[in-house]
Amino acid sequence: MNALIKVTALAAVLAAGAAFAQQTPPPASSSPSTSADTSSMDYSKLDTNGDGVISKDEAKGDANLSSQFSTLDTDHDGKLSSSELAKAKSKGSSGY
């Protein structure tokens, strides 16, 4: 009977750890962002022709990026380069 109590206690301790382990859900967006959130975009999927830049047509695959395309395209060449995207991300505002 002593062994049964020990096994039961061990099982309870192990189960308690699993009961308290929780994943934190991602924060919900309380309002639509006025600037592009580049942290959650999959650039490889947006760069459909694989040329290393995102054109205005390719940006249409992400509504938020498309709406901010002109602002993010700092050299106004009609493409978002990796350096333009990195600058946007490093600004530190609204998910950059």
N, C-alpha and C. Protein backbone atom coordinates (compact mmCIF):
# COMPACT_ATOMS: atom_id res chain seq x y z
N MET A 1 0.82 -1.19 0.00
CA MET A 1 0.00 0.00 0.00
C MET A 1 0.87 1.26 0.00
N ASN A 2 2.00 1.19 0.68
CA ASN A 2 2.93 2.32 0.72
C ASN A 2 3.41 2.67 -0.70
N ALA A 3 3.67 1.65 -1.51
CA ALA A 3 4.12 1.87 -2.90
C ALA A 3 3.00 2.53 -3.71
N LEU A 4 1.76 2.13 -3.49
CA LEU A 4 0.63 2.72 -4.20
C LEU A 4 0.48 4.20 -3.89
N ILE A 5 0.70 4.58 -2.64
CA ILE A 5 0.61 5.99 -2.24
C ILE A 5 1.72 6.79 -2.91
N LYS A 6 2.93 6.22 -2.96
CA LYS A 6 4.06 6.90 -3.59
C LYS A 6 3.81 7.09 -5.10
N VAL A 7 3.32 6.08 -5.76
CA VAL A 7 3.04 6.17 -7.20
C VAL A 7 1.95 7.20 -7.46
N THR A 8 0.93 7.20 -6.63
CA THR A 8 -0.16 8.16 -6.78
C THR A 8 0.34 9.59 -6.55
N ALA A 9 1.18 9.78 -5.55
CA ALA A 9 1.72 11.11 -5.27
C ALA A 9 2.61 11.59 -6.43
N LEU A 10 3.44 10.68 -6.95
CA LEU A 10 4.30 11.03 -8.08
C LEU A 10 3.47 11.41 -9.31
N ALA A 11 2.42 10.66 -9.58
CA ALA A 11 1.55 10.96 -10.71
C ALA A 11 0.88 12.32 -10.53
N ALA A 12 0.48 12.64 -9.30
CA ALA A 12 -0.16 13.93 -9.04
C ALA A 12 0.82 15.08 -9.26
N VAL A 13 2.07 14.91 -8.82
CA VAL A 13 3.07 15.95 -9.00
C VAL A 13 3.34 16.18 -10.49
N LEU A 14 3.50 15.09 -11.24
CA LEU A 14 3.76 15.22 -12.68
C LEU A 14 2.56 15.84 -13.42
N ALA A 15 1.38 15.49 -13.03
CA ALA A 15 0.19 16.04 -13.68
C ALA A 15 0.01 17.52 -13.37
N ALA A 16 0.40 17.92 -12.16
CA ALA A 16 0.26 19.33 -11.76
C ALA A 16 1.10 20.23 -12.65
N GLY A 17 2.30 19.80 -13.00
CA GLY A 17 3.15 20.60 -13.89
C GLY A 17 2.50 20.80 -15.25
N ALA A 18 1.91 19.77 -15.78
CA ALA A 18 1.24 19.87 -17.08
C ALA A 18 -0.01 20.75 -16.99
N ALA A 19 -0.67 20.71 -15.84
CA ALA A 19 -1.88 21.51 -15.68
C ALA A 19 -1.59 23.00 -15.69
N PHE A 20 -0.42 23.38 -15.17
CA PHE A 20 -0.08 24.80 -15.09
C PHE A 20 0.68 25.31 -16.31
N ALA A 21 1.12 24.42 -17.17
CA ALA A 21 1.85 24.84 -18.37
C ALA A 21 0.84 25.35 -19.39
N GLN A 22 1.00 26.61 -19.76
CA GLN A 22 0.09 27.22 -20.73
C GLN A 22 0.89 28.01 -21.73
N GLN A 23 0.41 28.01 -22.94
CA GLN A 23 1.01 28.88 -23.93
C GLN A 23 0.28 30.21 -23.88
N THR A 24 1.05 31.28 -23.98
CA THR A 24 0.46 32.61 -23.98
C THR A 24 -0.05 32.91 -25.38
N PRO A 25 -1.33 33.23 -25.52
CA PRO A 25 -1.85 33.54 -26.85
C PRO A 25 -1.26 34.84 -27.37
N PRO A 26 -1.15 34.99 -28.68
CA PRO A 26 -0.63 36.24 -29.21
C PRO A 26 -1.57 37.38 -28.86
N PRO A 27 -1.03 38.58 -28.69
CA PRO A 27 -1.88 39.72 -28.34
C PRO A 27 -2.86 40.02 -29.47
N ALA A 28 -4.07 40.30 -29.10
CA ALA A 28 -5.09 40.64 -30.08
C ALA A 28 -4.93 42.10 -30.47
N SER A 29 -5.13 42.37 -31.72
CA SER A 29 -5.04 43.74 -32.20
C SER A 29 -6.33 44.45 -31.83
N SER A 30 -6.21 45.50 -31.04
CA SER A 30 -7.41 46.20 -30.59
C SER A 30 -7.98 47.13 -31.64
N SER A 31 -7.11 47.57 -32.56
CA SER A 31 -7.60 48.45 -33.61
C SER A 31 -6.73 48.24 -34.84
N PRO A 32 -7.26 48.55 -36.01
CA PRO A 32 -6.46 48.40 -37.21
C PRO A 32 -5.24 49.31 -37.18
N SER A 33 -4.13 48.79 -37.61
CA SER A 33 -2.90 49.56 -37.61
C SER A 33 -2.87 50.53 -38.78
N THR A 34 -2.29 51.68 -38.55
CA THR A 34 -2.16 52.65 -39.64
C THR A 34 -0.83 52.51 -40.34
N SER A 35 0.04 51.62 -39.84
CA SER A 35 1.30 51.37 -40.52
C SER A 35 1.47 49.87 -40.70
N ALA A 36 2.24 49.49 -41.69
CA ALA A 36 2.39 48.09 -42.04
C ALA A 36 3.10 47.33 -40.93
N ASP A 37 2.58 46.19 -40.57
CA ASP A 37 3.22 45.32 -39.60
C ASP A 37 4.05 44.31 -40.37
N THR A 38 5.33 44.60 -40.51
CA THR A 38 6.20 43.75 -41.32
C THR A 38 6.68 42.52 -40.57
N SER A 39 6.45 42.45 -39.25
CA SER A 39 6.98 41.34 -38.48
C SER A 39 6.27 40.03 -38.76
N SER A 40 5.03 40.06 -39.21
CA SER A 40 4.29 38.82 -39.41
C SER A 40 4.14 38.43 -40.88
N MET A 41 4.74 39.16 -41.78
CA MET A 41 4.60 38.86 -43.20
C MET A 41 5.55 37.78 -43.64
N ASP A 42 5.12 36.98 -44.60
CA ASP A 42 5.98 35.97 -45.19
C ASP A 42 6.42 36.51 -46.55
N TYR A 43 7.62 37.11 -46.57
CA TYR A 43 8.10 37.76 -47.78
C TYR A 43 8.31 36.79 -48.93
N SER A 44 8.71 35.57 -48.62
CA SER A 44 8.94 34.60 -49.69
C SER A 44 7.64 34.28 -50.43
N LYS A 45 6.53 34.32 -49.72
CA LYS A 45 5.24 34.09 -50.38
C LYS A 45 4.80 35.32 -51.18
N LEU A 46 5.13 36.52 -50.67
CA LEU A 46 4.75 37.73 -51.38
C LEU A 46 5.61 37.94 -52.63
N ASP A 47 6.89 37.56 -52.57
CA ASP A 47 7.80 37.70 -53.71
C ASP A 47 7.56 36.54 -54.66
N THR A 48 6.46 36.61 -55.40
CA THR A 48 6.02 35.48 -56.21
C THR A 48 6.95 35.17 -57.38
N ASN A 49 7.67 36.16 -57.89
CA ASN A 49 8.57 35.87 -59.02
C ASN A 49 9.99 35.59 -58.56
N GLY A 50 10.25 35.66 -57.26
CA GLY A 50 11.54 35.29 -56.70
C GLY A 50 12.69 36.23 -57.04
N ASP A 51 12.40 37.50 -57.33
CA ASP A 51 13.47 38.43 -57.71
C ASP A 51 14.10 39.14 -56.51
N GLY A 52 13.64 38.83 -55.29
CA GLY A 52 14.23 39.42 -54.09
C GLY A 52 13.62 40.73 -53.66
N VAL A 53 12.68 41.25 -54.40
CA VAL A 53 11.97 42.47 -54.02
C VAL A 53 10.47 42.23 -54.15
N ILE A 54 9.70 43.09 -53.50
CA ILE A 54 8.24 42.98 -53.57
C ILE A 54 7.72 44.15 -54.40
N SER A 55 7.12 43.82 -55.52
CA SER A 55 6.54 44.85 -56.38
C SER A 55 5.20 45.29 -55.82
N LYS A 56 4.66 46.36 -56.39
CA LYS A 56 3.36 46.86 -55.94
C LYS A 56 2.28 45.80 -56.17
N ASP A 57 2.36 45.09 -57.29
CA ASP A 57 1.39 44.03 -57.56
C ASP A 57 1.53 42.88 -56.57
N GLU A 58 2.77 42.52 -56.24
CA GLU A 58 2.98 41.44 -55.28
C GLU A 58 2.52 41.86 -53.89
N ALA A 59 2.66 43.12 -53.55
CA ALA A 59 2.25 43.62 -52.23
C ALA A 59 0.74 43.51 -52.03
N LYS A 60 0.00 43.40 -53.11
CA LYS A 60 -1.45 43.26 -53.00
C LYS A 60 -1.84 41.98 -52.27
N GLY A 61 -0.89 41.05 -52.12
CA GLY A 61 -1.13 39.82 -51.37
C GLY A 61 -1.28 40.05 -49.88
N ASP A 62 -0.93 41.24 -49.41
CA ASP A 62 -1.08 41.61 -48.00
C ASP A 62 -1.69 43.01 -47.96
N ALA A 63 -2.93 43.10 -47.52
CA ALA A 63 -3.67 44.37 -47.55
C ALA A 63 -2.96 45.47 -46.78
N ASN A 64 -2.39 45.15 -45.63
CA ASN A 64 -1.72 46.15 -44.81
C ASN A 64 -0.47 46.67 -45.51
N LEU A 65 0.32 45.77 -46.08
CA LEU A 65 1.53 46.18 -46.80
C LEU A 65 1.15 46.99 -48.03
N SER A 66 0.14 46.56 -48.73
CA SER A 66 -0.30 47.27 -49.93
C SER A 66 -0.72 48.70 -49.62
N SER A 67 -1.41 48.88 -48.50
CA SER A 67 -1.89 50.22 -48.15
C SER A 67 -0.75 51.16 -47.76
N GLN A 68 0.37 50.60 -47.31
CA GLN A 68 1.51 51.41 -46.87
C GLN A 68 2.67 51.38 -47.88
N PHE A 69 2.44 50.78 -49.03
CA PHE A 69 3.52 50.57 -50.00
C PHE A 69 4.26 51.86 -50.34
N SER A 70 3.54 52.91 -50.65
CA SER A 70 4.17 54.18 -51.05
C SER A 70 5.05 54.75 -49.95
N THR A 71 4.62 54.61 -48.71
CA THR A 71 5.41 55.11 -47.58
C THR A 71 6.68 54.29 -47.39
N LEU A 72 6.57 52.98 -47.53
CA LEU A 72 7.71 52.09 -47.32
C LEU A 72 8.70 52.13 -48.48
N ASP A 73 8.22 52.44 -49.67
CA ASP A 73 9.09 52.50 -50.86
C ASP A 73 9.83 53.84 -50.86
N THR A 74 10.88 53.92 -50.04
CA THR A 74 11.56 55.20 -49.81
C THR A 74 12.32 55.71 -51.03
N ASP A 75 12.77 54.82 -51.92
CA ASP A 75 13.47 55.30 -53.11
C ASP A 75 12.53 55.45 -54.31
N HIS A 76 11.26 55.18 -54.09
CA HIS A 76 10.19 55.38 -55.09
C HIS A 76 10.48 54.69 -56.42
N ASP A 77 11.01 53.45 -56.34
CA ASP A 77 11.27 52.70 -57.57
C ASP A 77 10.17 51.69 -57.88
N GLY A 78 9.11 51.68 -57.08
CA GLY A 78 8.00 50.77 -57.32
C GLY A 78 8.23 49.37 -56.78
N LYS A 79 9.29 49.21 -55.97
CA LYS A 79 9.62 47.90 -55.39
C LYS A 79 10.05 48.11 -53.94
N LEU A 80 9.76 47.11 -53.11
CA LEU A 80 10.24 47.14 -51.74
C LEU A 80 11.44 46.20 -51.65
N SER A 81 12.60 46.78 -51.41
CA SER A 81 13.83 45.98 -51.28
C SER A 81 13.97 45.48 -49.86
N SER A 82 14.90 44.56 -49.67
CA SER A 82 15.13 44.04 -48.32
C SER A 82 15.61 45.15 -47.39
N SER A 83 16.38 46.12 -47.91
CA SER A 83 16.84 47.21 -47.04
C SER A 83 15.68 48.14 -46.66
N GLU A 84 14.75 48.38 -47.56
CA GLU A 84 13.58 49.21 -47.22
C GLU A 84 12.72 48.50 -46.17
N LEU A 85 12.57 47.19 -46.31
CA LEU A 85 11.79 46.43 -45.35
C LEU A 85 12.50 46.38 -44.00
N ALA A 86 13.83 46.27 -44.02
CA ALA A 86 14.59 46.26 -42.77
C ALA A 86 14.49 47.61 -42.06
N LYS A 87 14.54 48.70 -42.83
CA LYS A 87 14.40 50.04 -42.23
C LYS A 87 13.03 50.18 -41.58
N ALA A 88 12.00 49.69 -42.25
CA ALA A 88 10.65 49.78 -41.71
C ALA A 88 10.56 48.98 -40.41
N LYS A 89 11.19 47.82 -40.40
CA LYS A 89 11.14 46.97 -39.22
C LYS A 89 11.94 47.57 -38.07
N SER A 90 13.05 48.23 -38.38
CA SER A 90 13.90 48.77 -37.33
C SER A 90 13.38 50.08 -36.72
N LYS A 91 12.39 50.69 -37.33
CA LYS A 91 11.85 51.93 -36.78
C LYS A 91 11.20 51.71 -35.43
N GLY A 92 10.77 50.48 -35.18
CA GLY A 92 10.26 50.13 -33.85
C GLY A 92 8.86 50.59 -33.55
N SER A 93 8.13 51.10 -34.50
CA SER A 93 6.77 51.52 -34.21
C SER A 93 5.77 50.60 -34.88
N SER A 94 4.70 50.32 -34.17
CA SER A 94 3.59 49.52 -34.68
C SER A 94 4.03 48.19 -35.28
N GLY A 95 4.90 47.49 -34.60
CA GLY A 95 5.28 46.16 -35.04
C GLY A 95 6.45 46.11 -36.00
N TYR A 96 7.06 47.25 -36.30
CA TYR A 96 8.22 47.21 -37.20
C TYR A 96 9.37 46.55 -36.52
